[in-house]
Amino acid sequence: SPECVMVCILPASVPSHDVTFHIQQTLVEAFCVEHAIPILKIGDLEKLAVIFAGRKDVANSLENNQDEGEGDLTCLLVQVPEVKSPADQFVMEFCEMIFLPHPRIDLPA
């Protein structure tokens, strides 16, 4: 349900030379653009893993090309909350401001 997605978070690059990853990213981006879902590209996969999965081993397994199932951070879809907090509102306004082109964000250490 694309109308339930507030933002799509994608890593800008993954240390893998897998062609299927590139195809998957292209399809996800095309889907998001078609349905006007804002895309945020995150520059560092390890930081993304720590923030969203809470574990550095997830990032390490992705770097080593291991399949972790729940540790897959190739695409994160953030749902629109039923009740928007100030942080949710900030994210939505931020995405509206920078909708095009799709930004790459470098997370602080």
PDB file of N, CA and C in Angstrom:
ATOM      1  N   SER A   1       0.832  -1.184   0.000  1.00  0.00           N
ATOM      2  CA  SER A   1       0.000   0.000   0.000  1.00  0.00           C
ATOM      3  C   SER A   1       0.877   1.249   0.000  1.00  0.00           C
ATOM      4  N   PRO A   2       1.182   1.798  -1.160  1.00  0.00           N
ATOM      5  CA  PRO A   2       2.080   2.954  -1.230  1.00  0.00           C
ATOM      6  C   PRO A   2       1.573   4.169  -0.458  1.00  0.00           C
ATOM      7  N   GLU A   3       0.263   4.293  -0.312  1.00  0.00           N
ATOM      8  CA  GLU A   3      -0.266   5.454   0.414  1.00  0.00           C
ATOM      9  C   GLU A   3       0.041   5.389   1.904  1.00  0.00           C
ATOM     10  N   CYS A   4       0.473   4.253   2.402  1.00  0.00           N
ATOM     11  CA  CYS A   4       0.814   4.085   3.814  1.00  0.00           C
ATOM     12  C   CYS A   4       2.292   4.321   4.094  1.00  0.00           C
ATOM     13  N   VAL A   5       3.077   4.629   3.058  1.00  0.00           N
ATOM     14  CA  VAL A   5       4.523   4.795   3.226  1.00  0.00           C
ATOM     15  C   VAL A   5       4.860   6.276   3.319  1.00  0.00           C
ATOM     16  N   MET A   6       5.526   6.655   4.415  1.00  0.00           N
ATOM     17  CA  MET A   6       5.927   8.038   4.622  1.00  0.00           C
ATOM     18  C   MET A   6       7.228   8.341   3.881  1.00  0.00           C
ATOM     19  N   VAL A   7       8.189   7.396   3.935  1.00  0.00           N
ATOM     20  CA  VAL A   7       9.486   7.599   3.292  1.00  0.00           C
ATOM     21  C   VAL A   7      10.147   6.234   3.076  1.00  0.00           C
ATOM     22  N   CYS A   8      10.946   6.158   2.024  1.00  0.00           N
ATOM     23  CA  CYS A   8      11.734   4.961   1.721  1.00  0.00           C
ATOM     24  C   CYS A   8      13.195   5.314   1.983  1.00  0.00           C
ATOM     25  N   ILE A   9      13.863   4.501   2.793  1.00  0.00           N
ATOM     26  CA  ILE A   9      15.270   4.737   3.125  1.00  0.00           C
ATOM     27  C   ILE A   9      16.096   3.647   2.458  1.00  0.00           C
ATOM     28  N   LEU A  10      17.055   4.087   1.645  1.00  0.00           N
ATOM     29  CA  LEU A  10      17.916   3.163   0.918  1.00  0.00           C
ATOM     30  C   LEU A  10      19.374   3.494   1.204  1.00  0.00           C
ATOM     31  N   PRO A  11      20.233   2.484   1.298  1.00  0.00           N
ATOM     32  CA  PRO A  11      21.662   2.785   1.389  1.00  0.00           C
ATOM     33  C   PRO A  11      22.155   3.301   0.037  1.00  0.00           C
ATOM     34  N   ALA A  12      23.028   4.289   0.053  1.00  0.00           N
ATOM     35  CA  ALA A  12      23.548   4.836  -1.207  1.00  0.00           C
ATOM     36  C   ALA A  12      24.406   3.812  -1.922  1.00  0.00           C
ATOM     37  N   SER A  13      25.093   2.994  -1.159  1.00  0.00           N
ATOM     38  CA  SER A  13      25.887   1.923  -1.760  1.00  0.00           C
ATOM     39  C   SER A  13      26.068   0.818  -0.730  1.00  0.00           C
ATOM     40  N   VAL A  14      26.204  -0.389  -1.233  1.00  0.00           N
ATOM     41  CA  VAL A  14      26.461  -1.544  -0.386  1.00  0.00           C
ATOM     42  C   VAL A  14      27.735  -2.182  -0.889  1.00  0.00           C
ATOM     43  N   PRO A  15      28.638  -2.564   0.012  1.00  0.00           N
ATOM     44  CA  PRO A  15      29.908  -3.147  -0.443  1.00  0.00           C
ATOM     45  C   PRO A  15      29.706  -4.536  -1.042  1.00  0.00           C
ATOM     46  N   SER A  16      29.054  -4.559  -2.174  1.00  0.00           N
ATOM     47  CA  SER A  16      28.797  -5.819  -2.860  1.00  0.00           C
ATOM     48  C   SER A  16      28.790  -5.536  -4.360  1.00  0.00           C
ATOM     49  N   HIS A  17      29.263  -6.484  -5.112  1.00  0.00           N
ATOM     50  CA  HIS A  17      29.259  -6.328  -6.563  1.00  0.00           C
ATOM     51  C   HIS A  17      28.165  -7.175  -7.178  1.00  0.00           C
ATOM     52  N   ASP A  18      27.100  -7.362  -6.448  1.00  0.00           N
ATOM     53  CA  ASP A  18      25.988  -8.200  -6.869  1.00  0.00           C
ATOM     54  C   ASP A  18      25.069  -7.405  -7.796  1.00  0.00           C
ATOM     55  N   VAL A  19      24.894  -7.884  -9.009  1.00  0.00           N
ATOM     56  CA  VAL A  19      24.049  -7.210  -9.995  1.00  0.00           C
ATOM     57  C   VAL A  19      22.589  -7.216  -9.550  1.00  0.00           C
ATOM     58  N   THR A  20      22.186  -8.262  -8.852  1.00  0.00           N
ATOM     59  CA  THR A  20      20.785  -8.336  -8.408  1.00  0.00           C
ATOM     60  C   THR A  20      20.454  -7.222  -7.423  1.00  0.00           C
ATOM     61  N   PHE A  21      21.440  -6.821  -6.605  1.00  0.00           N
ATOM     62  CA  PHE A  21      21.208  -5.706  -5.689  1.00  0.00           C
ATOM     63  C   PHE A  21      20.922  -4.429  -6.476  1.00  0.00           C
ATOM     64  N   HIS A  22      21.720  -4.186  -7.507  1.00  0.00           N
ATOM     65  CA  HIS A  22      21.532  -2.990  -8.326  1.00  0.00           C
ATOM     66  C   HIS A  22      20.149  -2.991  -8.985  1.00  0.00           C
ATOM     67  N   ILE A  23      19.731  -4.131  -9.490  1.00  0.00           N
ATOM     68  CA  ILE A  23      18.406  -4.246 -10.120  1.00  0.00           C
ATOM     69  C   ILE A  23      17.309  -3.991  -9.081  1.00  0.00           C
ATOM     70  N   GLN A  24      17.473  -4.592  -7.896  1.00  0.00           N
ATOM     71  CA  GLN A  24      16.485  -4.392  -6.833  1.00  0.00           C
ATOM     72  C   GLN A  24      16.372  -2.913  -6.461  1.00  0.00           C
ATOM     73  N   GLN A  25      17.509  -2.246  -6.288  1.00  0.00           N
ATOM     74  CA  GLN A  25      17.495  -0.824  -5.927  1.00  0.00           C
ATOM     75  C   GLN A  25      16.814   0.004  -7.008  1.00  0.00           C
ATOM     76  N   THR A  26      17.098  -0.306  -8.273  1.00  0.00           N
ATOM     77  CA  THR A  26      16.494   0.422  -9.381  1.00  0.00           C
ATOM     78  C   THR A  26      14.975   0.255  -9.385  1.00  0.00           C
ATOM     79  N   LEU A  27      14.507  -0.969  -9.158  1.00  0.00           N
ATOM     80  CA  LEU A  27      13.067  -1.229  -9.125  1.00  0.00           C
ATOM     81  C   LEU A  27      12.389  -0.547  -7.935  1.00  0.00           C
ATOM     82  N   VAL A  28      13.031  -0.584  -6.782  1.00  0.00           N
ATOM     83  CA  VAL A  28      12.464   0.074  -5.600  1.00  0.00           C
ATOM     84  C   VAL A  28      12.379   1.578  -5.837  1.00  0.00           C
ATOM     85  N   GLU A  29      13.436   2.168  -6.365  1.00  0.00           N
ATOM     86  CA  GLU A  29      13.421   3.606  -6.643  1.00  0.00           C
ATOM     87  C   GLU A  29      12.334   3.958  -7.660  1.00  0.00           C
ATOM     88  N   ALA A  30      12.187   3.158  -8.701  1.00  0.00           N
ATOM     89  CA  ALA A  30      11.159   3.422  -9.712  1.00  0.00           C
ATOM     90  C   ALA A  30       9.758   3.336  -9.094  1.00  0.00           C
ATOM     91  N   PHE A  31       9.540   2.346  -8.247  1.00  0.00           N
ATOM     92  CA  PHE A  31       8.251   2.202  -7.568  1.00  0.00           C
ATOM     93  C   PHE A  31       7.959   3.434  -6.713  1.00  0.00           C
ATOM     94  N   CYS A  32       8.965   3.880  -5.963  1.00  0.00           N
ATOM     95  CA  CYS A  32       8.783   5.042  -5.091  1.00  0.00           C
ATOM     96  C   CYS A  32       8.497   6.309  -5.894  1.00  0.00           C
ATOM     97  N   VAL A  33       9.222   6.499  -6.975  1.00  0.00           N
ATOM     98  CA  VAL A  33       8.996   7.682  -7.816  1.00  0.00           C
ATOM     99  C   VAL A  33       7.595   7.631  -8.417  1.00  0.00           C
ATOM    100  N   GLU A  34       7.195   6.458  -8.900  1.00  0.00           N
ATOM    101  CA  GLU A  34       5.874   6.310  -9.510  1.00  0.00           C
ATOM    102  C   GLU A  34       4.753   6.633  -8.530  1.00  0.00           C
ATOM    103  N   HIS A  35       4.945   6.305  -7.254  1.00  0.00           N
ATOM    104  CA  HIS A  35       3.906   6.513  -6.249  1.00  0.00           C
ATOM    105  C   HIS A  35       4.172   7.722  -5.365  1.00  0.00           C
ATOM    106  N   ALA A  36       5.105   8.584  -5.768  1.00  0.00           N
ATOM    107  CA  ALA A  36       5.437   9.823  -5.051  1.00  0.00           C
ATOM    108  C   ALA A  36       5.836   9.556  -3.603  1.00  0.00           C
ATOM    109  N   ILE A  37       6.618   8.505  -3.388  1.00  0.00           N
ATOM    110  CA  ILE A  37       7.154   8.200  -2.065  1.00  0.00           C
ATOM    111  C   ILE A  37       8.547   8.807  -1.989  1.00  0.00           C
ATOM    112  N   PRO A  38       8.790   9.693  -1.026  1.00  0.00           N
ATOM    113  CA  PRO A  38      10.121  10.290  -0.910  1.00  0.00           C
ATOM    114  C   PRO A  38      11.177   9.222  -0.628  1.00  0.00           C
ATOM    115  N   ILE A  39      12.345   9.392  -1.238  1.00  0.00           N
ATOM    116  CA  ILE A  39      13.456   8.468  -1.051  1.00  0.00           C
ATOM    117  C   ILE A  39      14.600   9.213  -0.370  1.00  0.00           C
ATOM    118  N   LEU A  40      15.113   8.633   0.709  1.00  0.00           N
ATOM    119  CA  LEU A  40      16.308   9.151   1.359  1.00  0.00           C
ATOM    120  C   LEU A  40      17.396   8.100   1.198  1.00  0.00           C
ATOM    121  N   LYS A  41      18.541   8.519   0.674  1.00  0.00           N
ATOM    122  CA  LYS A  41      19.676   7.601   0.533  1.00  0.00           C
ATOM    123  C   LYS A  41      20.665   7.901   1.650  1.00  0.00           C
ATOM    124  N   ILE A  42      21.002   6.864   2.380  1.00  0.00           N
ATOM    125  CA  ILE A  42      21.921   6.983   3.508  1.00  0.00           C
ATOM    126  C   ILE A  42      23.301   6.548   3.052  1.00  0.00           C
ATOM    127  N   GLY A  43      24.310   7.343   3.400  1.00  0.00           N
ATOM    128  CA  GLY A  43      25.652   7.111   2.903  1.00  0.00           C
ATOM    129  C   GLY A  43      26.413   5.970   3.544  1.00  0.00           C
ATOM    130  N   ASP A  44      26.117   5.596   4.777  1.00  0.00           N
ATOM    131  CA  ASP A  44      26.915   4.605   5.479  1.00  0.00           C
ATOM    132  C   ASP A  44      26.035   3.459   5.955  1.00  0.00           C
ATOM    133  N   LEU A  45      26.223   2.278   5.378  1.00  0.00           N
ATOM    134  CA  LEU A  45      25.413   1.112   5.714  1.00  0.00           C
ATOM    135  C   LEU A  45      25.604   0.677   7.162  1.00  0.00           C
ATOM    136  N   GLU A  46      26.822   0.790   7.686  1.00  0.00           N
ATOM    137  CA  GLU A  46      27.072   0.375   9.072  1.00  0.00           C
ATOM    138  C   GLU A  46      26.286   1.250  10.041  1.00  0.00           C
ATOM    139  N   LYS A  47      26.287   2.559   9.816  1.00  0.00           N
ATOM    140  CA  LYS A  47      25.525   3.456  10.686  1.00  0.00           C
ATOM    141  C   LYS A  47      24.031   3.187  10.565  1.00  0.00           C
ATOM    142  N   LEU A  48      23.576   2.900   9.365  1.00  0.00           N
ATOM    143  CA  LEU A  48      22.172   2.567   9.144  1.00  0.00           C
ATOM    144  C   LEU A  48      21.805   1.306   9.927  1.00  0.00           C
ATOM    145  N   ALA A  49      22.684   0.308   9.904  1.00  0.00           N
ATOM    146  CA  ALA A  49      22.440  -0.943  10.629  1.00  0.00           C
ATOM    147  C   ALA A  49      22.386  -0.704  12.127  1.00  0.00           C
ATOM    148  N   VAL A  50      23.285   0.131  12.635  1.00  0.00           N
ATOM    149  CA  VAL A  50      23.315   0.407  14.069  1.00  0.00           C
ATOM    150  C   VAL A  50      22.056   1.153  14.497  1.00  0.00           C
ATOM    151  N   ILE A  51      21.621   2.116  13.690  1.00  0.00           N
ATOM    152  CA  ILE A  51      20.447   2.907  14.046  1.00  0.00           C
ATOM    153  C   ILE A  51      19.172   2.085  13.973  1.00  0.00           C
ATOM    154  N   PHE A  52      18.978   1.357  12.884  1.00  0.00           N
ATOM    155  CA  PHE A  52      17.710   0.665  12.679  1.00  0.00           C
ATOM    156  C   PHE A  52      17.685  -0.759  13.208  1.00  0.00           C
ATOM    157  N   ALA A  53      18.801  -1.452  13.163  1.00  0.00           N
ATOM    158  CA  ALA A  53      18.823  -2.825  13.659  1.00  0.00           C
ATOM    159  C   ALA A  53      19.428  -2.887  15.057  1.00  0.00           C
ATOM    160  N   GLY A  54      20.154  -1.837  15.420  1.00  0.00           N
ATOM    161  CA  GLY A  54      20.759  -1.798  16.736  1.00  0.00           C
ATOM    162  C   GLY A  54      21.952  -2.733  16.902  1.00  0.00           C
ATOM    163  N   ARG A  55      22.485  -3.229  15.788  1.00  0.00           N
ATOM    164  CA  ARG A  55      23.575  -4.191  15.883  1.00  0.00           C
ATOM    165  C   ARG A  55      24.604  -3.934  14.798  1.00  0.00           C
ATOM    166  N   LYS A  56      25.865  -3.906  15.184  1.00  0.00           N
ATOM    167  CA  LYS A  56      26.935  -3.760  14.202  1.00  0.00           C
ATOM    168  C   LYS A  56      27.151  -5.036  13.416  1.00  0.00           C
ATOM    169  N   ASP A  57      26.799  -6.195  13.993  1.00  0.00           N
ATOM    170  CA  ASP A  57      27.014  -7.452  13.284  1.00  0.00           C
ATOM    171  C   ASP A  57      26.157  -7.553  12.033  1.00  0.00           C
ATOM    172  N   VAL A  58      25.034  -6.831  11.993  1.00  0.00           N
ATOM    173  CA  VAL A  58      24.194  -6.821  10.794  1.00  0.00           C
ATOM    174  C   VAL A  58      24.956  -6.175   9.652  1.00  0.00           C
ATOM    175  N   ALA A  59      25.586  -5.045   9.913  1.00  0.00           N
ATOM    176  CA  ALA A  59      26.363  -4.369   8.868  1.00  0.00           C
ATOM    177  C   ALA A  59      27.535  -5.239   8.436  1.00  0.00           C
ATOM    178  N   ASN A  60      28.192  -5.892   9.392  1.00  0.00           N
ATOM    179  CA  ASN A  60      29.323  -6.758   9.049  1.00  0.00           C
ATOM    180  C   ASN A  60      28.881  -7.926   8.179  1.00  0.00           C
ATOM    181  N   SER A  61      27.723  -8.499   8.469  1.00  0.00           N
ATOM    182  CA  SER A  61      27.253  -9.625   7.658  1.00  0.00           C
ATOM    183  C   SER A  61      26.885  -9.165   6.257  1.00  0.00           C
ATOM    184  N   LEU A  62      26.350  -7.964   6.131  1.00  0.00           N
ATOM    185  CA  LEU A  62      26.031  -7.441   4.805  1.00  0.00           C
ATOM    186  C   LEU A  62      27.306  -7.185   4.018  1.00  0.00           C
ATOM    187  N   GLU A  63      28.334  -6.681   4.689  1.00  0.00           N
ATOM    188  CA  GLU A  63      29.599  -6.439   4.007  1.00  0.00           C
ATOM    189  C   GLU A  63      30.222  -7.748   3.539  1.00  0.00           C
ATOM    190  N   ASN A  64      30.029  -8.815   4.310  1.00  0.00           N
ATOM    191  CA  ASN A  64      30.599 -10.110   3.956  1.00  0.00           C
ATOM    192  C   ASN A  64      29.681 -10.913   3.047  1.00  0.00           C
ATOM    193  N   ASN A  65      28.590 -10.287   2.597  1.00  0.00           N
ATOM    194  CA  ASN A  65      27.659 -10.902   1.646  1.00  0.00           C
ATOM    195  C   ASN A  65      26.936 -12.109   2.232  1.00  0.00           C
ATOM    196  N   GLN A  66      26.637 -12.053   3.539  1.00  0.00           N
ATOM    197  CA  GLN A  66      25.895 -13.129   4.186  1.00  0.00           C
ATOM    198  C   GLN A  66      24.437 -12.739   4.255  1.00  0.00           C
ATOM    199  N   ASP A  67      23.549 -13.721   4.174  1.00  0.00           N
ATOM    200  CA  ASP A  67      22.117 -13.468   4.246  1.00  0.00           C
ATOM    201  C   ASP A  67      21.658 -13.596   5.680  1.00  0.00           C
ATOM    202  N   GLU A  68      21.153 -12.526   6.254  1.00  0.00           N
ATOM    203  CA  GLU A  68      20.726 -12.522   7.643  1.00  0.00           C
ATOM    204  C   GLU A  68      19.210 -12.496   7.787  1.00  0.00           C
ATOM    205  N   GLY A  69      18.455 -12.451   6.704  1.00  0.00           N
ATOM    206  CA  GLY A  69      16.998 -12.398   6.818  1.00  0.00           C
ATOM    207  C   GLY A  69      16.541 -11.078   7.392  1.00  0.00           C
ATOM    208  N   GLU A  70      16.345 -11.026   8.714  1.00  0.00           N
ATOM    209  CA  GLU A  70      15.880  -9.805   9.353  1.00  0.00           C
ATOM    210  C   GLU A  70      16.920  -8.700   9.312  1.00  0.00           C
ATOM    211  N   GLY A  71      18.187  -9.021   9.060  1.00  0.00           N
ATOM    212  CA  GLY A  71      19.238  -8.032   9.006  1.00  0.00           C
ATOM    213  C   GLY A  71      19.347  -7.341   7.663  1.00  0.00           C
ATOM    214  N   ASP A  72      18.450  -7.632   6.753  1.00  0.00           N
ATOM    215  CA  ASP A  72      18.491  -7.054   5.419  1.00  0.00           C
ATOM    216  C   ASP A  72      18.098  -5.586   5.476  1.00  0.00           C
ATOM    217  N   LEU A  73      19.055  -4.721   5.150  1.00  0.00           N
ATOM    218  CA  LEU A  73      18.788  -3.283   5.175  1.00  0.00           C
ATOM    219  C   LEU A  73      18.881  -2.680   3.779  1.00  0.00           C
ATOM    220  N   THR A  74      18.529  -3.443   2.771  1.00  0.00           N
ATOM    221  CA  THR A  74      18.602  -2.921   1.411  1.00  0.00           C
ATOM    222  C   THR A  74      17.479  -1.943   1.127  1.00  0.00           C
ATOM    223  N   CYS A  75      16.423  -1.970   1.925  1.00  0.00           N
ATOM    224  CA  CYS A  75      15.315  -1.038   1.762  1.00  0.00           C
ATOM    225  C   CYS A  75      14.529  -0.979   3.057  1.00  0.00           C
ATOM    226  N   LEU A  76      14.303   0.233   3.545  1.00  0.00           N
ATOM    227  CA  LEU A  76      13.478   0.429   4.740  1.00  0.00           C
ATOM    228  C   LEU A  76      12.296   1.312   4.363  1.00  0.00           C
ATOM    229  N   LEU A  77      11.106   0.844   4.617  1.00  0.00           N
ATOM    230  CA  LEU A  77       9.908   1.635   4.363  1.00  0.00           C
ATOM    231  C   LEU A  77       9.339   2.079   5.698  1.00  0.00           C
ATOM    232  N   VAL A  78       9.194   3.391   5.853  1.00  0.00           N
ATOM    233  CA  VAL A  78       8.655   3.951   7.085  1.00  0.00           C
ATOM    234  C   VAL A  78       7.185   4.255   6.843  1.00  0.00           C
ATOM    235  N   GLN A  79       6.332   3.634   7.649  1.00  0.00           N
ATOM    236  CA  GLN A  79       4.901   3.829   7.483  1.00  0.00           C
ATOM    237  C   GLN A  79       4.454   5.172   8.045  1.00  0.00           C
ATOM    238  N   VAL A  80       3.376   5.684   7.479  1.00  0.00           N
ATOM    239  CA  VAL A  80       2.758   6.900   8.000  1.00  0.00           C
ATOM    240  C   VAL A  80       2.099   6.528   9.322  1.00  0.00           C
ATOM    241  N   PRO A  81       2.458   7.191  10.423  1.00  0.00           N
ATOM    242  CA  PRO A  81       1.865   6.842  11.713  1.00  0.00           C
ATOM    243  C   PRO A  81       0.423   7.325  11.808  1.00  0.00           C
ATOM    244  N   GLU A  82      -0.366   6.633  12.635  1.00  0.00           N
ATOM    245  CA  GLU A  82      -1.761   7.054  12.835  1.00  0.00           C
ATOM    246  C   GLU A  82      -1.809   8.414  13.513  1.00  0.00           C
ATOM    247  N   VAL A  83      -0.977   8.593  14.527  1.00  0.00           N
ATOM    248  CA  VAL A  83      -0.876   9.874  15.226  1.00  0.00           C
ATOM    249  C   VAL A  83       0.544  10.376  15.015  1.00  0.00           C
ATOM    250  N   LYS A  84       0.667  11.523  14.375  1.00  0.00           N
ATOM    251  CA  LYS A  84       1.988  12.057  14.036  1.00  0.00           C
ATOM    252  C   LYS A  84       2.583  12.812  15.219  1.00  0.00           C
ATOM    253  N   SER A  85       3.804  12.423  15.569  1.00  0.00           N
ATOM    254  CA  SER A  85       4.558  13.135  16.597  1.00  0.00           C
ATOM    255  C   SER A  85       5.256  14.320  15.939  1.00  0.00           C
ATOM    256  N   PRO A  86       5.829  15.223  16.728  1.00  0.00           N
ATOM    257  CA  PRO A  86       6.605  16.317  16.125  1.00  0.00           C
ATOM    258  C   PRO A  86       7.768  15.793  15.258  1.00  0.00           C
ATOM    259  N   ALA A  87       8.376  14.687  15.666  1.00  0.00           N
ATOM    260  CA  ALA A  87       9.470  14.123  14.869  1.00  0.00           C
ATOM    261  C   ALA A  87       8.949  13.597  13.527  1.00  0.00           C
ATOM    262  N   ASP A  88       7.778  12.954  13.547  1.00  0.00           N
ATOM    263  CA  ASP A  88       7.175  12.475  12.303  1.00  0.00           C
ATOM    264  C   ASP A  88       6.854  13.641  11.378  1.00  0.00           C
ATOM    265  N   GLN A  89       6.314  14.688  11.947  1.00  0.00           N
ATOM    266  CA  GLN A  89       5.973  15.878  11.155  1.00  0.00           C
ATOM    267  C   GLN A  89       7.231  16.501  10.558  1.00  0.00           C
ATOM    268  N   PHE A  90       8.319  16.519  11.337  1.00  0.00           N
ATOM    269  CA  PHE A  90       9.584  17.056  10.852  1.00  0.00           C
ATOM    270  C   PHE A  90      10.079  16.245   9.652  1.00  0.00           C
ATOM    271  N   VAL A  91      10.032  14.907   9.763  1.00  0.00           N
ATOM    272  CA  VAL A  91      10.482  14.048   8.667  1.00  0.00           C
ATOM    273  C   VAL A  91       9.636  14.288   7.424  1.00  0.00           C
ATOM    274  N   MET A  92       8.335  14.383   7.586  1.00  0.00           N
ATOM    275  CA  MET A  92       7.450  14.610   6.440  1.00  0.00           C
ATOM    276  C   MET A  92       7.732  15.955   5.781  1.00  0.00           C
ATOM    277  N   GLU A  93       7.926  16.998   6.572  1.00  0.00           N
ATOM    278  CA  GLU A  93       8.229  18.322   6.020  1.00  0.00           C
ATOM    279  C   GLU A  93       9.601  18.322   5.348  1.00  0.00           C
ATOM    280  N   PHE A  94      10.570  17.646   5.956  1.00  0.00           N
ATOM    281  CA  PHE A  94      11.905  17.543   5.375  1.00  0.00           C
ATOM    282  C   PHE A  94      11.837  16.865   4.012  1.00  0.00           C
ATOM    283  N   CYS A  95      11.087  15.775   3.939  1.00  0.00           N
ATOM    284  CA  CYS A  95      10.957  15.047   2.678  1.00  0.00           C
ATOM    285  C   CYS A  95      10.268  15.896   1.614  1.00  0.00           C
ATOM    286  N   GLU A  96       9.284  16.671   2.000  1.00  0.00           N
ATOM    287  CA  GLU A  96       8.607  17.548   1.042  1.00  0.00           C
ATOM    288  C   GLU A  96       9.561  18.607   0.502  1.00  0.00           C
ATOM    289  N   MET A  97      10.441  19.134   1.369  1.00  0.00           N
ATOM    290  CA  MET A  97      11.376  20.176   0.954  1.00  0.00           C
ATOM    291  C   MET A  97      12.417  19.652  -0.022  1.00  0.00           C
ATOM    292  N   ILE A  98      12.855  18.413   0.165  1.00  0.00           N
ATOM    293  CA  ILE A  98      13.975  17.906  -0.621  1.00  0.00           C
ATOM    294  C   ILE A  98      13.563  16.767  -1.543  1.00  0.00           C
ATOM    295  N   PHE A  99      12.310  16.690  -1.906  1.00  0.00           N
ATOM    296  CA  PHE A  99      11.806  15.550  -2.674  1.00  0.00           C
ATOM    297  C   PHE A  99      12.626  15.281  -3.923  1.00  0.00           C
ATOM    298  N   LEU A 100      12.980  16.271  -4.680  1.00  0.00           N
ATOM    299  CA  LEU A 100      13.803  16.077  -5.877  1.00  0.00           C
ATOM    300  C   LEU A 100      15.012  16.980  -5.805  1.00  0.00           C
ATOM    301  N   PRO A 101      16.185  16.561  -6.150  1.00  0.00           N
ATOM    302  CA  PRO A 101      16.571  15.185  -6.415  1.00  0.00           C
ATOM    303  C   PRO A 101      16.656  14.402  -5.118  1.00  0.00           C
ATOM    304  N   HIS A 102      16.810  13.102  -5.216  1.00  0.00           N
ATOM    305  CA  HIS A 102      16.875  12.271  -4.028  1.00  0.00           C
ATOM    306  C   HIS A 102      18.201  12.516  -3.322  1.00  0.00           C
ATOM    307  N   PRO A 103      18.132  12.948  -2.073  1.00  0.00           N
ATOM    308  CA  PRO A 103      19.366  13.302  -1.378  1.00  0.00           C
ATOM    309  C   PRO A 103      20.121  12.093  -0.850  1.00  0.00           C
ATOM    310  N   ARG A 104      21.396  12.297  -0.627  1.00  0.00           N
ATOM    311  CA  ARG A 104      22.219  11.321   0.086  1.00  0.00           C
ATOM    312  C   ARG A 104      22.582  11.970   1.400  1.00  0.00           C
ATOM    313  N   ILE A 105      22.331  11.274   2.497  1.00  0.00           N
ATOM    314  CA  ILE A 105      22.561  11.825   3.820  1.00  0.00           C
ATOM    315  C   ILE A 105      23.695  11.063   4.487  1.00  0.00           C
ATOM    316  N   ASP A 106      24.685  11.795   4.996  1.00  0.00           N
ATOM    317  CA  ASP A 106      25.765  11.181   5.759  1.00  0.00           C
ATOM    318  C   ASP A 106      25.424  11.330   7.229  1.00  0.00           C
ATOM    319  N   LEU A 107      25.299  10.214   7.927  1.00  0.00           N
ATOM    320  CA  LEU A 107      24.938  10.211   9.337  1.00  0.00           C
ATOM    321  C   LEU A 107      26.141  10.549  10.183  1.00  0.00           C
ATOM    322  N   PRO A 108      25.942  11.261  11.292  1.00  0.00           N
ATOM    323  CA  PRO A 108      27.052  11.563  12.185  1.00  0.00           C
ATOM    324  C   PRO A 108      27.522  10.289  12.893  1.00  0.00           C
ATOM    325  N   ALA A 109      28.775  10.307  13.318  1.00  0.00           N
ATOM    326  CA  ALA A 109      29.352   9.118  13.978  1.00  0.00           C
ATOM    327  C   ALA A 109      28.722   8.838  15.309  1.00  0.00           C
TER     328      ALA A 109
END
